[in-house]
């Protein structure tokens, strides 16, 4: 279940990152993505 939630969060953050032009929001989203992928480096990087 934890893996599912993490993967869904990654999908959401990547979608929001692709859609937003706000640099502050993009920075936060990139940090969130980095935190989630650091926990499990085998997580898919495709969106």
PDB file of N, CA and C in Angstrom:
ATOM      1  N   UNK A   1       0.818  -1.197   0.000  1.00  0.00           N
ATOM      2  CA  UNK A   1       0.000   0.000   0.000  1.00  0.00           C
ATOM      3  C   UNK A   1       0.862   1.261   0.000  1.00  0.00           C
ATOM      4  N   UNK A   2       1.934   1.252   0.795  1.00  0.00           N
ATOM      5  CA  UNK A   2       2.824   2.408   0.868  1.00  0.00           C
ATOM      6  C   UNK A   2       3.446   2.702  -0.499  1.00  0.00           C
ATOM      7  N   UNK A   3       3.809   1.645  -1.209  1.00  0.00           N
ATOM      8  CA  UNK A   3       4.390   1.806  -2.542  1.00  0.00           C
ATOM      9  C   UNK A   3       3.386   2.444  -3.495  1.00  0.00           C
ATOM     10  N   UNK A   4       2.142   2.015  -3.414  1.00  0.00           N
ATOM     11  CA  UNK A   4       1.099   2.571  -4.272  1.00  0.00           C
ATOM     12  C   UNK A   4       0.939   4.066  -4.019  1.00  0.00           C
ATOM     13  N   UNK A   5       0.865   4.451  -2.757  1.00  0.00           N
ATOM     14  CA  UNK A   5       0.690   5.865  -2.401  1.00  0.00           C
ATOM     15  C   UNK A   5       1.875   6.684  -2.898  1.00  0.00           C
ATOM     16  N   UNK A   6       3.095   6.171  -2.691  1.00  0.00           N
ATOM     17  CA  UNK A   6       4.289   6.887  -3.156  1.00  0.00           C
ATOM     18  C   UNK A   6       4.260   7.062  -4.678  1.00  0.00           C
ATOM     19  N   UNK A   7       3.934   5.997  -5.387  1.00  0.00           N
ATOM     20  CA  UNK A   7       3.885   6.072  -6.851  1.00  0.00           C
ATOM     21  C   UNK A   7       2.833   7.054  -7.338  1.00  0.00           C
ATOM     22  N   UNK A   8       1.680   7.064  -6.682  1.00  0.00           N
ATOM     23  CA  UNK A   8       0.624   8.003  -7.064  1.00  0.00           C
ATOM     24  C   UNK A   8       1.043   9.444  -6.765  1.00  0.00           C
ATOM     25  N   UNK A   9       1.706   9.647  -5.648  1.00  0.00           N
ATOM     26  CA  UNK A   9       2.215  10.989  -5.329  1.00  0.00           C
ATOM     27  C   UNK A   9       3.234  11.437  -6.362  1.00  0.00           C
ATOM     28  N   UNK A  10       4.120  10.535  -6.763  1.00  0.00           N
ATOM     29  CA  UNK A  10       5.102  10.883  -7.795  1.00  0.00           C
ATOM     30  C   UNK A  10       4.414  11.272  -9.099  1.00  0.00           C
ATOM     31  N   UNK A  11       3.406  10.535  -9.497  1.00  0.00           N
ATOM     32  CA  UNK A  11       2.662  10.869 -10.720  1.00  0.00           C
ATOM     33  C   UNK A  11       2.056  12.266 -10.609  1.00  0.00           C
ATOM     34  N   UNK A  12       1.444  12.531  -9.454  1.00  0.00           N
ATOM     35  CA  UNK A  12       0.818  13.836  -9.241  1.00  0.00           C
ATOM     36  C   UNK A  12       1.851  14.959  -9.279  1.00  0.00           C
ATOM     37  N   UNK A  13       2.937  14.797  -8.546  1.00  0.00           N
ATOM     38  CA  UNK A  13       3.969  15.838  -8.499  1.00  0.00           C
ATOM     39  C   UNK A  13       4.569  16.084  -9.879  1.00  0.00           C
ATOM     40  N   UNK A  14       4.803  15.029 -10.631  1.00  0.00           N
ATOM     41  CA  UNK A  14       5.362  15.194 -11.986  1.00  0.00           C
ATOM     42  C   UNK A  14       4.385  15.898 -12.918  1.00  0.00           C
ATOM     43  N   UNK A  15       3.093  15.571 -12.784  1.00  0.00           N
ATOM     44  CA  UNK A  15       2.087  16.232 -13.618  1.00  0.00           C
ATOM     45  C   UNK A  15       2.021  17.720 -13.273  1.00  0.00           C
ATOM     46  N   UNK A  16       1.994  18.020 -11.982  1.00  0.00           N
ATOM     47  CA  UNK A  16       1.954  19.416 -11.555  1.00  0.00           C
ATOM     48  C   UNK A  16       3.209  20.169 -11.995  1.00  0.00           C
ATOM     49  N   UNK A  17       4.353  19.495 -11.929  1.00  0.00           N
ATOM     50  CA  UNK A  17       5.605  20.112 -12.357  1.00  0.00           C
ATOM     51  C   UNK A  17       5.557  20.463 -13.843  1.00  0.00           C
ATOM     52  N   UNK A  18       4.985  19.585 -14.636  1.00  0.00           N
ATOM     53  CA  UNK A  18       4.883  19.832 -16.081  1.00  0.00           C
ATOM     54  C   UNK A  18       3.907  20.965 -16.391  1.00  0.00           C
ATOM     55  N   UNK A  19       2.915  21.160 -15.526  1.00  0.00           N
ATOM     56  CA  UNK A  19       1.870  22.145 -15.798  1.00  0.00           C
ATOM     57  C   UNK A  19       2.168  23.542 -15.270  1.00  0.00           C
ATOM     58  N   UNK A  20       2.958  23.660 -14.211  1.00  0.00           N
ATOM     59  CA  UNK A  20       3.135  24.964 -13.562  1.00  0.00           C
ATOM     60  C   UNK A  20       4.305  25.749 -14.150  1.00  0.00           C
ATOM     61  N   UNK A  21       4.152  27.057 -14.132  1.00  0.00           N
ATOM     62  CA  UNK A  21       5.216  27.963 -14.562  1.00  0.00           C
ATOM     63  C   UNK A  21       5.823  28.706 -13.381  1.00  0.00           C
ATOM     64  N   UNK A  22       5.201  28.585 -12.215  1.00  0.00           N
ATOM     65  CA  UNK A  22       5.649  29.269 -11.001  1.00  0.00           C
ATOM     66  C   UNK A  22       6.944  28.618 -10.502  1.00  0.00           C
ATOM     67  N   UNK A  23       8.022  29.388 -10.486  1.00  0.00           N
ATOM     68  CA  UNK A  23       9.335  28.836 -10.119  1.00  0.00           C
ATOM     69  C   UNK A  23       9.399  28.344  -8.673  1.00  0.00           C
ATOM     70  N   UNK A  24       8.724  29.027  -7.761  1.00  0.00           N
ATOM     71  CA  UNK A  24       8.714  28.578  -6.367  1.00  0.00           C
ATOM     72  C   UNK A  24       8.005  27.225  -6.241  1.00  0.00           C
ATOM     73  N   UNK A  25       6.884  27.115  -6.917  1.00  0.00           N
ATOM     74  CA  UNK A  25       6.136  25.846  -6.876  1.00  0.00           C
ATOM     75  C   UNK A  25       6.945  24.728  -7.532  1.00  0.00           C
ATOM     76  N   UNK A  26       7.604  25.042  -8.647  1.00  0.00           N
ATOM     77  CA  UNK A  26       8.431  24.040  -9.328  1.00  0.00           C
ATOM     78  C   UNK A  26       9.564  23.555  -8.423  1.00  0.00           C
ATOM     79  N   UNK A  27      10.163  24.475  -7.680  1.00  0.00           N
ATOM     80  CA  UNK A  27      11.250  24.120  -6.764  1.00  0.00           C
ATOM     81  C   UNK A  27      10.755  23.157  -5.690  1.00  0.00           C
ATOM     82  N   UNK A  28       9.593  23.473  -5.119  1.00  0.00           N
ATOM     83  CA  UNK A  28       9.020  22.611  -4.075  1.00  0.00           C
ATOM     84  C   UNK A  28       8.679  21.236  -4.643  1.00  0.00           C
ATOM     85  N   UNK A  29       8.075  21.206  -5.813  1.00  0.00           N
ATOM     86  CA  UNK A  29       7.723  19.921  -6.430  1.00  0.00           C
ATOM     87  C   UNK A  29       8.967  19.089  -6.722  1.00  0.00           C
ATOM     88  N   UNK A  30      10.024  19.725  -7.191  1.00  0.00           N
ATOM     89  CA  UNK A  30      11.275  19.001  -7.447  1.00  0.00           C
ATOM     90  C   UNK A  30      11.851  18.431  -6.162  1.00  0.00           C
ATOM     91  N   UNK A  31      11.748  19.186  -5.070  1.00  0.00           N
ATOM     92  CA  UNK A  31      12.230  18.688  -3.780  1.00  0.00           C
ATOM     93  C   UNK A  31      11.410  17.494  -3.313  1.00  0.00           C
ATOM     94  N   UNK A  32      10.096  17.571  -3.480  1.00  0.00           N
ATOM     95  CA  UNK A  32       9.231  16.455  -3.087  1.00  0.00           C
ATOM     96  C   UNK A  32       9.550  15.202  -3.902  1.00  0.00           C
ATOM     97  N   UNK A  33       9.734  15.381  -5.200  1.00  0.00           N
ATOM     98  CA  UNK A  33      10.075  14.251  -6.065  1.00  0.00           C
ATOM     99  C   UNK A  33      11.416  13.654  -5.645  1.00  0.00           C
ATOM    100  N   UNK A  34      12.374  14.512  -5.365  1.00  0.00           N
ATOM    101  CA  UNK A  34      13.694  14.027  -4.949  1.00  0.00           C
ATOM    102  C   UNK A  34      13.601  13.247  -3.643  1.00  0.00           C
ATOM    103  N   UNK A  35      12.825  13.735  -2.704  1.00  0.00           N
ATOM    104  CA  UNK A  35      12.676  13.034  -1.422  1.00  0.00           C
ATOM    105  C   UNK A  35      12.063  11.657  -1.609  1.00  0.00           C
ATOM    106  N   UNK A  36      11.053  11.573  -2.440  1.00  0.00           N
ATOM    107  CA  UNK A  36      10.396  10.279  -2.655  1.00  0.00           C
ATOM    108  C   UNK A  36      11.296   9.302  -3.406  1.00  0.00           C
ATOM    109  N   UNK A  37      12.060   9.800  -4.365  1.00  0.00           N
ATOM    110  CA  UNK A  37      12.916   8.897  -5.133  1.00  0.00           C
ATOM    111  C   UNK A  37      14.165   8.508  -4.356  1.00  0.00           C
ATOM    112  N   UNK A  38      14.603   9.338  -3.404  1.00  0.00           N
ATOM    113  CA  UNK A  38      15.742   8.972  -2.560  1.00  0.00           C
ATOM    114  C   UNK A  38      15.397   7.798  -1.648  1.00  0.00           C
ATOM    115  N   UNK A  39      14.154   7.736  -1.215  1.00  0.00           N
ATOM    116  CA  UNK A  39      13.720   6.645  -0.332  1.00  0.00           C
ATOM    117  C   UNK A  39      13.755   5.300  -1.043  1.00  0.00           C
ATOM    118  N   UNK A  40      13.456   5.302  -2.338  1.00  0.00           N
ATOM    119  CA  UNK A  40      13.443   4.068  -3.120  1.00  0.00           C
ATOM    120  C   UNK A  40      13.998   4.370  -4.506  1.00  0.00           C
ATOM    121  N   UNK A  41      15.329   4.236  -4.683  1.00  0.00           N
ATOM    122  CA  UNK A  41      15.955   4.594  -5.960  1.00  0.00           C
ATOM    123  C   UNK A  41      15.465   3.763  -7.136  1.00  0.00           C
ATOM    124  N   UNK A  42      14.796   2.645  -6.900  1.00  0.00           N
ATOM    125  CA  UNK A  42      14.299   1.805  -7.994  1.00  0.00           C
ATOM    126  C   UNK A  42      12.951   2.283  -8.517  1.00  0.00           C
ATOM    127  N   UNK A  43      12.410   3.345  -7.930  1.00  0.00           N
ATOM    128  CA  UNK A  43      11.136   3.884  -8.380  1.00  0.00           C
ATOM    129  C   UNK A  43      11.278   4.373  -9.811  1.00  0.00           C
ATOM    130  N   UNK A  44      10.297   4.062 -10.609  1.00  0.00           N
ATOM    131  CA  UNK A  44      10.304   4.442 -12.016  1.00  0.00           C
ATOM    132  C   UNK A  44      10.387   5.945 -12.178  1.00  0.00           C
ATOM    133  N   UNK A  45      11.165   6.418 -13.142  1.00  0.00           N
ATOM    134  CA  UNK A  45      11.270   7.849 -13.403  1.00  0.00           C
ATOM    135  C   UNK A  45      10.354   8.282 -14.534  1.00  0.00           C
ATOM    136  N   UNK A  46       9.634   7.354 -15.131  1.00  0.00           N
ATOM    137  CA  UNK A  46       8.703   7.737 -16.187  1.00  0.00           C
ATOM    138  C   UNK A  46       7.428   8.235 -15.576  1.00  0.00           C
ATOM    139  N   UNK A  47       6.783   9.209 -16.272  1.00  0.00           N
ATOM    140  CA  UNK A  47       5.598   9.804 -15.711  1.00  0.00           C
ATOM    141  C   UNK A  47       4.414   9.232 -16.292  1.00  0.00           C
TER     142      UNK A  47
END
